[in-house]
């Protein structure tokens, strides 16, 4: 299984490493990390990850395209048409088109989610509609060959779900145990419906500048994506880009 992982300055490492850790336990899994240029790419903290390939020398028909998310890094990337076009080209040849967190906004801006249900980070979830996607609250959302995880830690749930999808539930259970994945959050405030009003307000105040809504609107207009469109075939219709699983 060839897994093409997109990098960009300011992305969140766990969005990528959560699912990649689960998928790396599968036999035959291979990874490429891709950015516009080979070399180190800064994360949303004082760390770097190396891009092994650029958009021209990476797999053009990967089995899985994985796009992580982030905060301000995603919103800067939304204004980079060359980058979005690169994602769109790889998505056209990918068997599975996937994302974690706000990575689904990048898939949407690349034209890969029109008429598809998708997950996203809670604060930015409704903005998916600007790209013709159908926002859903699930931790993991699968619609035909589009699969997405919600915010950050949902990438582990997403990664394990896809292991079960690809290799069966028995293998999924084994990988879950190998990861000792048994979350026990200390505060119980990890989703907005679980957090108290003061916590939600404090988080929203931080995110307002980190994830400026006007960037999404500008991007949708610039990219010529019809806001709220469900594509020509509507939900449940034919896949508009990307290879059918099993092709």
C-alpha atoms as a PDB file:
ATOM      1  CA  UNK A   1       0.000   0.000   0.000  1.00  0.00           C
ATOM      2  CA  UNK A   2       1.508   3.285  -1.152  1.00  0.00           C
ATOM      3  CA  UNK A   3       0.597   6.146   1.196  1.00  0.00           C
ATOM      4  CA  UNK A   4       1.313   9.700   0.032  1.00  0.00           C
ATOM      5  CA  UNK A   5       1.451  12.114   2.983  1.00  0.00           C
ATOM      6  CA  UNK A   6       1.185  15.827   2.239  1.00  0.00           C
ATOM      7  CA  UNK A   7       3.302  18.266   4.243  1.00  0.00           C
ATOM      8  CA  UNK A   8       3.133  22.058   4.401  1.00  0.00           C
ATOM      9  CA  UNK A   9       4.547  24.696   6.745  1.00  0.00           C
ATOM     10  CA  UNK A  10       2.639  24.850  10.020  1.00  0.00           C
ATOM     11  CA  UNK A  11       0.836  21.501   9.829  1.00  0.00           C
ATOM     12  CA  UNK A  12       0.058  19.498  12.985  1.00  0.00           C
ATOM     13  CA  UNK A  13       2.273  16.418  13.298  1.00  0.00           C
ATOM     14  CA  UNK A  14      -0.240  14.231  15.148  1.00  0.00           C
ATOM     15  CA  UNK A  15      -2.741  14.638  12.303  1.00  0.00           C
ATOM     16  CA  UNK A  16      -0.299  12.720  10.122  1.00  0.00           C
ATOM     17  CA  UNK A  17       1.485  10.517  12.643  1.00  0.00           C
ATOM     18  CA  UNK A  18      -1.705   9.242  14.302  1.00  0.00           C
ATOM     19  CA  UNK A  19      -3.006   7.365  11.262  1.00  0.00           C
ATOM     20  CA  UNK A  20       0.484   6.703   9.879  1.00  0.00           C
ATOM     21  CA  UNK A  21       1.476   4.885  13.071  1.00  0.00           C
ATOM     22  CA  UNK A  22      -1.500   2.541  12.697  1.00  0.00           C
ATOM     23  CA  UNK A  23      -0.983   2.054   8.947  1.00  0.00           C
ATOM     24  CA  UNK A  24       2.751   1.484   9.378  1.00  0.00           C
ATOM     25  CA  UNK A  25       1.921  -1.785  11.135  1.00  0.00           C
ATOM     26  CA  UNK A  26       0.285  -3.172   8.003  1.00  0.00           C
ATOM     27  CA  UNK A  27       2.327  -5.475   5.760  1.00  0.00           C
ATOM     28  CA  UNK A  28       3.614  -3.768   2.646  1.00  0.00           C
ATOM     29  CA  UNK A  29       2.857  -0.216   3.805  1.00  0.00           C
ATOM     30  CA  UNK A  30       5.107   2.378   2.151  1.00  0.00           C
ATOM     31  CA  UNK A  31       5.166   6.112   2.796  1.00  0.00           C
ATOM     32  CA  UNK A  32       6.222   9.224   0.949  1.00  0.00           C
ATOM     33  CA  UNK A  33       6.146  12.686   2.498  1.00  0.00           C
ATOM     34  CA  UNK A  34       5.434  15.379  -0.094  1.00  0.00           C
ATOM     35  CA  UNK A  35       5.821  19.148  -0.252  1.00  0.00           C
ATOM     36  CA  UNK A  36       6.586  21.554  -3.083  1.00  0.00           C
ATOM     37  CA  UNK A  37      10.306  21.056  -2.407  1.00  0.00           C
ATOM     38  CA  UNK A  38      12.255  18.209  -0.857  1.00  0.00           C
ATOM     39  CA  UNK A  39      13.741  18.892   2.560  1.00  0.00           C
ATOM     40  CA  UNK A  40      12.668  19.997   6.028  1.00  0.00           C
ATOM     41  CA  UNK A  41       9.202  21.444   6.589  1.00  0.00           C
ATOM     42  CA  UNK A  42       8.398  23.280   9.809  1.00  0.00           C
ATOM     43  CA  UNK A  43       5.512  22.050  11.976  1.00  0.00           C
ATOM     44  CA  UNK A  44       3.180  24.180  14.074  1.00  0.00           C
ATOM     45  CA  UNK A  45       5.766  23.913  16.852  1.00  0.00           C
ATOM     46  CA  UNK A  46       9.536  24.209  16.904  1.00  0.00           C
ATOM     47  CA  UNK A  47      10.097  20.912  15.088  1.00  0.00           C
ATOM     48  CA  UNK A  48      10.544  19.848  11.481  1.00  0.00           C
ATOM     49  CA  UNK A  49       9.631  16.877   9.294  1.00  0.00           C
ATOM     50  CA  UNK A  50      11.465  16.032   6.081  1.00  0.00           C
ATOM     51  CA  UNK A  51       9.688  15.940   2.728  1.00  0.00           C
ATOM     52  CA  UNK A  52      11.152  12.986   0.832  1.00  0.00           C
ATOM     53  CA  UNK A  53       9.494  13.979  -2.468  1.00  0.00           C
ATOM     54  CA  UNK A  54       7.958  16.897  -4.304  1.00  0.00           C
ATOM     55  CA  UNK A  55       4.761  16.883  -6.360  1.00  0.00           C
ATOM     56  CA  UNK A  56       6.610  15.954  -9.552  1.00  0.00           C
ATOM     57  CA  UNK A  57       8.598  12.905  -8.397  1.00  0.00           C
ATOM     58  CA  UNK A  58       6.162  11.345  -5.922  1.00  0.00           C
ATOM     59  CA  UNK A  59       3.667   8.572  -6.669  1.00  0.00           C
ATOM     60  CA  UNK A  60       1.080   9.992  -9.054  1.00  0.00           C
ATOM     61  CA  UNK A  61      -1.438   7.214  -8.322  1.00  0.00           C
ATOM     62  CA  UNK A  62      -1.035   6.426  -4.608  1.00  0.00           C
ATOM     63  CA  UNK A  63      -3.290   3.979  -2.857  1.00  0.00           C
ATOM     64  CA  UNK A  64      -3.897   6.571  -0.143  1.00  0.00           C
ATOM     65  CA  UNK A  65      -3.559  10.349  -0.186  1.00  0.00           C
ATOM     66  CA  UNK A  66      -3.370  11.713   3.374  1.00  0.00           C
ATOM     67  CA  UNK A  67      -3.661  15.451   4.082  1.00  0.00           C
ATOM     68  CA  UNK A  68      -3.118  16.595   7.681  1.00  0.00           C
ATOM     69  CA  UNK A  69      -4.495  19.799   9.116  1.00  0.00           C
ATOM     70  CA  UNK A  70      -3.390  22.533  11.459  1.00  0.00           C
ATOM     71  CA  UNK A  71      -4.263  26.051  12.504  1.00  0.00           C
ATOM     72  CA  UNK A  72      -2.877  29.129  10.794  1.00  0.00           C
ATOM     73  CA  UNK A  73      -0.689  26.919   8.565  1.00  0.00           C
ATOM     74  CA  UNK A  74      -3.779  25.531   6.843  1.00  0.00           C
ATOM     75  CA  UNK A  75      -5.255  28.983   6.326  1.00  0.00           C
ATOM     76  CA  UNK A  76      -2.001  30.198   4.775  1.00  0.00           C
ATOM     77  CA  UNK A  77      -1.953  27.087   2.560  1.00  0.00           C
ATOM     78  CA  UNK A  78      -5.511  27.837   1.408  1.00  0.00           C
ATOM     79  CA  UNK A  79      -4.133  30.901  -0.366  1.00  0.00           C
ATOM     80  CA  UNK A  80      -1.475  28.885  -2.221  1.00  0.00           C
ATOM     81  CA  UNK A  81      -3.045  27.785  -5.520  1.00  0.00           C
ATOM     82  CA  UNK A  82       0.057  25.937  -6.687  1.00  0.00           C
ATOM     83  CA  UNK A  83      -0.073  23.788  -3.562  1.00  0.00           C
ATOM     84  CA  UNK A  84      -3.814  23.174  -3.847  1.00  0.00           C
ATOM     85  CA  UNK A  85      -3.423  22.223  -7.506  1.00  0.00           C
ATOM     86  CA  UNK A  86      -0.770  19.671  -6.481  1.00  0.00           C
ATOM     87  CA  UNK A  87      -3.175  18.076  -4.010  1.00  0.00           C
ATOM     88  CA  UNK A  88      -5.875  18.027  -6.676  1.00  0.00           C
ATOM     89  CA  UNK A  89      -3.632  16.240  -9.183  1.00  0.00           C
ATOM     90  CA  UNK A  90      -2.630  13.540  -6.705  1.00  0.00           C
ATOM     91  CA  UNK A  91      -6.232  13.160  -5.571  1.00  0.00           C
ATOM     92  CA  UNK A  92      -7.317  12.511  -9.154  1.00  0.00           C
ATOM     93  CA  UNK A  93      -5.117   9.418  -9.221  1.00  0.00           C
ATOM     94  CA  UNK A  94      -5.523   8.216  -5.635  1.00  0.00           C
ATOM     95  CA  UNK A  95      -7.570   5.190  -4.638  1.00  0.00           C
ATOM     96  CA  UNK A  96      -8.447   6.702  -1.238  1.00  0.00           C
ATOM     97  CA  UNK A  97      -8.542  10.451  -0.549  1.00  0.00           C
ATOM     98  CA  UNK A  98      -8.224  11.143   3.169  1.00  0.00           C
ATOM     99  CA  UNK A  99      -7.638  13.874   5.716  1.00  0.00           C
ATOM    100  CA  UNK A 100      -7.476  14.609   9.417  1.00  0.00           C
ATOM    101  CA  UNK A 101      -8.603  17.783  11.202  1.00  0.00           C
ATOM    102  CA  UNK A 102      -8.634  20.887   8.963  1.00  0.00           C
ATOM    103  CA  UNK A 103      -6.904  18.899   6.244  1.00  0.00           C
ATOM    104  CA  UNK A 104     -10.395  18.426   4.842  1.00  0.00           C
ATOM    105  CA  UNK A 105     -10.495  22.172   4.103  1.00  0.00           C
ATOM    106  CA  UNK A 106      -7.458  21.676   1.867  1.00  0.00           C
ATOM    107  CA  UNK A 107      -9.118  18.734   0.119  1.00  0.00           C
ATOM    108  CA  UNK A 108     -12.192  20.885  -0.347  1.00  0.00           C
ATOM    109  CA  UNK A 109     -10.218  23.792  -1.769  1.00  0.00           C
ATOM    110  CA  UNK A 110      -8.490  21.348  -4.132  1.00  0.00           C
ATOM    111  CA  UNK A 111     -11.925  20.441  -5.512  1.00  0.00           C
ATOM    112  CA  UNK A 112     -11.960  16.915  -4.079  1.00  0.00           C
ATOM    113  CA  UNK A 113     -14.941  17.055  -1.705  1.00  0.00           C
ATOM    114  CA  UNK A 114     -17.811  18.456  -3.769  1.00  0.00           C
ATOM    115  CA  UNK A 115     -20.859  16.407  -2.822  1.00  0.00           C
ATOM    116  CA  UNK A 116     -18.993  14.327  -0.231  1.00  0.00           C
ATOM    117  CA  UNK A 117     -19.596  14.073   3.496  1.00  0.00           C
ATOM    118  CA  UNK A 118     -16.509  14.956   5.526  1.00  0.00           C
ATOM    119  CA  UNK A 119     -15.266  15.500   9.058  1.00  0.00           C
ATOM    120  CA  UNK A 120     -13.223  18.477  10.218  1.00  0.00           C
ATOM    121  CA  UNK A 121     -11.956  20.186  13.359  1.00  0.00           C
ATOM    122  CA  UNK A 122     -14.954  21.425  15.353  1.00  0.00           C
ATOM    123  CA  UNK A 123     -14.251  25.147  15.037  1.00  0.00           C
ATOM    124  CA  UNK A 124     -13.882  25.066  11.244  1.00  0.00           C
ATOM    125  CA  UNK A 125     -16.306  22.237  10.413  1.00  0.00           C
ATOM    126  CA  UNK A 126     -19.095  24.392   8.997  1.00  0.00           C
ATOM    127  CA  UNK A 127     -16.639  26.086   6.626  1.00  0.00           C
ATOM    128  CA  UNK A 128     -16.425  22.888   4.558  1.00  0.00           C
ATOM    129  CA  UNK A 129     -19.733  23.880   2.975  1.00  0.00           C
ATOM    130  CA  UNK A 130     -17.982  26.754   1.173  1.00  0.00           C
ATOM    131  CA  UNK A 131     -16.248  24.094  -0.952  1.00  0.00           C
ATOM    132  CA  UNK A 132     -19.388  22.118  -1.713  1.00  0.00           C
ATOM    133  CA  UNK A 133     -18.704  19.472   0.944  1.00  0.00           C
ATOM    134  CA  UNK A 134     -21.236  18.188   3.461  1.00  0.00           C
ATOM    135  CA  UNK A 135     -19.908  18.767   7.019  1.00  0.00           C
ATOM    136  CA  UNK A 136     -20.526  16.010   9.574  1.00  0.00           C
ATOM    137  CA  UNK A 137     -19.781  15.862  13.283  1.00  0.00           C
ATOM    138  CA  UNK A 138     -18.423  12.305  13.364  1.00  0.00           C
ATOM    139  CA  UNK A 139     -14.940  11.484  14.607  1.00  0.00           C
ATOM    140  CA  UNK A 140     -14.586   9.403  11.436  1.00  0.00           C
ATOM    141  CA  UNK A 141     -16.598   9.982   8.250  1.00  0.00           C
ATOM    142  CA  UNK A 142     -16.377   7.703   5.190  1.00  0.00           C
ATOM    143  CA  UNK A 143     -18.193   8.566   1.974  1.00  0.00           C
ATOM    144  CA  UNK A 144     -17.292   6.300  -0.935  1.00  0.00           C
ATOM    145  CA  UNK A 145     -13.514   6.705  -1.327  1.00  0.00           C
ATOM    146  CA  UNK A 146     -13.275   9.844   0.821  1.00  0.00           C
ATOM    147  CA  UNK A 147     -12.397   9.210   4.467  1.00  0.00           C
ATOM    148  CA  UNK A 148     -11.765  11.907   7.065  1.00  0.00           C
ATOM    149  CA  UNK A 149     -11.055  12.224  10.759  1.00  0.00           C
ATOM    150  CA  UNK A 150     -12.111  15.061  13.033  1.00  0.00           C
ATOM    151  CA  UNK A 151      -9.722  17.167  15.061  1.00  0.00           C
ATOM    152  CA  UNK A 152      -6.139  16.063  15.825  1.00  0.00           C
ATOM    153  CA  UNK A 153      -6.613  13.045  18.140  1.00  0.00           C
ATOM    154  CA  UNK A 154      -9.431  11.727  15.932  1.00  0.00           C
ATOM    155  CA  UNK A 155      -6.676  10.780  13.503  1.00  0.00           C
ATOM    156  CA  UNK A 156      -5.954   7.701  15.620  1.00  0.00           C
ATOM    157  CA  UNK A 157      -9.620   6.632  15.569  1.00  0.00           C
ATOM    158  CA  UNK A 158      -9.604   7.308  11.840  1.00  0.00           C
ATOM    159  CA  UNK A 159      -6.402   5.360  11.251  1.00  0.00           C
ATOM    160  CA  UNK A 160      -7.680   2.319  13.124  1.00  0.00           C
ATOM    161  CA  UNK A 161     -11.056   2.476  11.389  1.00  0.00           C
ATOM    162  CA  UNK A 162      -9.326   2.356   8.024  1.00  0.00           C
ATOM    163  CA  UNK A 163      -7.164  -0.595   9.121  1.00  0.00           C
ATOM    164  CA  UNK A 164     -10.394  -2.481   9.814  1.00  0.00           C
ATOM    165  CA  UNK A 165     -11.850  -1.334   6.502  1.00  0.00           C
ATOM    166  CA  UNK A 166      -8.834  -2.491   4.507  1.00  0.00           C
ATOM    167  CA  UNK A 167      -7.792  -5.629   6.403  1.00  0.00           C
ATOM    168  CA  UNK A 168     -10.784  -6.640   8.502  1.00  0.00           C
ATOM    169  CA  UNK A 169     -11.842  -6.104  12.104  1.00  0.00           C
ATOM    170  CA  UNK A 170      -9.547  -8.802  13.523  1.00  0.00           C
ATOM    171  CA  UNK A 171      -6.495  -6.940  12.240  1.00  0.00           C
ATOM    172  CA  UNK A 172      -8.002  -3.668  13.456  1.00  0.00           C
ATOM    173  CA  UNK A 173      -8.348  -5.082  16.962  1.00  0.00           C
ATOM    174  CA  UNK A 174      -4.750  -6.322  16.889  1.00  0.00           C
ATOM    175  CA  UNK A 175      -3.375  -2.938  15.843  1.00  0.00           C
ATOM    176  CA  UNK A 176      -5.496  -1.187  18.471  1.00  0.00           C
ATOM    177  CA  UNK A 177      -3.970  -3.423  21.141  1.00  0.00           C
ATOM    178  CA  UNK A 178      -0.456  -3.023  19.758  1.00  0.00           C
ATOM    179  CA  UNK A 179      -0.918   0.739  20.089  1.00  0.00           C
ATOM    180  CA  UNK A 180      -2.470   0.266  23.551  1.00  0.00           C
ATOM    181  CA  UNK A 181      -5.132   2.668  22.391  1.00  0.00           C
ATOM    182  CA  UNK A 182      -7.429   3.124  25.389  1.00  0.00           C
ATOM    183  CA  UNK A 183      -8.048   6.883  25.738  1.00  0.00           C
ATOM    184  CA  UNK A 184      -8.881   8.197  29.185  1.00  0.00           C
ATOM    185  CA  UNK A 185      -8.987  12.015  28.939  1.00  0.00           C
ATOM    186  CA  UNK A 186      -8.287  13.738  32.265  1.00  0.00           C
ATOM    187  CA  UNK A 187     -10.737  16.644  31.845  1.00  0.00           C
ATOM    188  CA  UNK A 188     -13.514  15.364  29.600  1.00  0.00           C
ATOM    189  CA  UNK A 189     -13.688  18.609  27.617  1.00  0.00           C
ATOM    190  CA  UNK A 190     -12.329  17.407  24.297  1.00  0.00           C
ATOM    191  CA  UNK A 191     -15.404  18.267  22.216  1.00  0.00           C
ATOM    192  CA  UNK A 192     -17.384  21.517  22.346  1.00  0.00           C
ATOM    193  CA  UNK A 193     -20.555  19.774  23.513  1.00  0.00           C
ATOM    194  CA  UNK A 194     -18.594  18.365  26.486  1.00  0.00           C
ATOM    195  CA  UNK A 195     -16.826  21.577  27.499  1.00  0.00           C
ATOM    196  CA  UNK A 196     -18.314  24.240  29.743  1.00  0.00           C
ATOM    197  CA  UNK A 197     -19.178  27.668  28.376  1.00  0.00           C
ATOM    198  CA  UNK A 198     -16.079  29.380  29.779  1.00  0.00           C
ATOM    199  CA  UNK A 199     -13.761  26.790  28.225  1.00  0.00           C
ATOM    200  CA  UNK A 200     -15.512  27.062  24.870  1.00  0.00           C
ATOM    201  CA  UNK A 201     -15.289  30.858  24.918  1.00  0.00           C
ATOM    202  CA  UNK A 202     -11.573  30.803  25.774  1.00  0.00           C
ATOM    203  CA  UNK A 203     -10.828  28.318  22.995  1.00  0.00           C
ATOM    204  CA  UNK A 204     -12.892  30.260  20.456  1.00  0.00           C
ATOM    205  CA  UNK A 205     -11.025  33.465  21.311  1.00  0.00           C
ATOM    206  CA  UNK A 206      -7.738  31.749  20.427  1.00  0.00           C
ATOM    207  CA  UNK A 207      -9.074  30.167  17.252  1.00  0.00           C
ATOM    208  CA  UNK A 208     -10.698  33.304  15.885  1.00  0.00           C
ATOM    209  CA  UNK A 209      -7.299  34.654  14.806  1.00  0.00           C
ATOM    210  CA  UNK A 210      -5.771  31.234  14.164  1.00  0.00           C
ATOM    211  CA  UNK A 211      -8.474  30.193  11.684  1.00  0.00           C
ATOM    212  CA  UNK A 212      -9.840  33.340   9.991  1.00  0.00           C
ATOM    213  CA  UNK A 213     -13.156  32.539   8.345  1.00  0.00           C
ATOM    214  CA  UNK A 214     -12.771  35.121   5.581  1.00  0.00           C
ATOM    215  CA  UNK A 215      -9.861  33.124   4.095  1.00  0.00           C
ATOM    216  CA  UNK A 216     -12.176  30.192   3.317  1.00  0.00           C
ATOM    217  CA  UNK A 217     -14.696  32.403   1.551  1.00  0.00           C
ATOM    218  CA  UNK A 218     -11.993  34.081  -0.544  1.00  0.00           C
ATOM    219  CA  UNK A 219     -10.498  30.713  -1.441  1.00  0.00           C
ATOM    220  CA  UNK A 220     -13.823  29.218  -2.540  1.00  0.00           C
ATOM    221  CA  UNK A 221     -14.480  32.187  -4.829  1.00  0.00           C
ATOM    222  CA  UNK A 222     -10.946  32.218  -6.219  1.00  0.00           C
ATOM    223  CA  UNK A 223     -11.017  28.483  -6.897  1.00  0.00           C
ATOM    224  CA  UNK A 224     -14.420  28.688  -8.573  1.00  0.00           C
ATOM    225  CA  UNK A 225     -16.027  26.258  -6.139  1.00  0.00           C
ATOM    226  CA  UNK A 226     -19.806  26.634  -5.736  1.00  0.00           C
ATOM    227  CA  UNK A 227     -20.625  27.125  -2.077  1.00  0.00           C
ATOM    228  CA  UNK A 228     -22.944  24.446  -0.785  1.00  0.00           C
ATOM    229  CA  UNK A 229     -22.932  22.523  -4.081  1.00  0.00           C
ATOM    230  CA  UNK A 230     -23.274  18.750  -3.863  1.00  0.00           C
ATOM    231  CA  UNK A 231     -21.819  18.164  -7.295  1.00  0.00           C
ATOM    232  CA  UNK A 232     -23.594  17.040 -10.433  1.00  0.00           C
ATOM    233  CA  UNK A 233     -24.614  13.702  -9.008  1.00  0.00           C
ATOM    234  CA  UNK A 234     -25.425  14.797  -5.463  1.00  0.00           C
ATOM    235  CA  UNK A 235     -24.770  12.780  -2.296  1.00  0.00           C
ATOM    236  CA  UNK A 236     -24.308   9.128  -3.080  1.00  0.00           C
ATOM    237  CA  UNK A 237     -23.630   9.778  -6.775  1.00  0.00           C
ATOM    238  CA  UNK A 238     -20.611   8.777  -8.797  1.00  0.00           C
ATOM    239  CA  UNK A 239     -17.075   9.541  -7.671  1.00  0.00           C
ATOM    240  CA  UNK A 240     -15.993  12.733  -9.415  1.00  0.00           C
ATOM    241  CA  UNK A 241     -12.248  12.415  -8.844  1.00  0.00           C
ATOM    242  CA  UNK A 242      -9.948   9.699  -7.659  1.00  0.00           C
ATOM    243  CA  UNK A 243      -9.879   6.027  -8.578  1.00  0.00           C
ATOM    244  CA  UNK A 244     -12.552   3.695  -7.335  1.00  0.00           C
ATOM    245  CA  UNK A 245     -11.275   1.449  -4.511  1.00  0.00           C
ATOM    246  CA  UNK A 246     -10.331  -1.840  -6.101  1.00  0.00           C
ATOM    247  CA  UNK A 247      -9.456  -0.390  -9.535  1.00  0.00           C
END
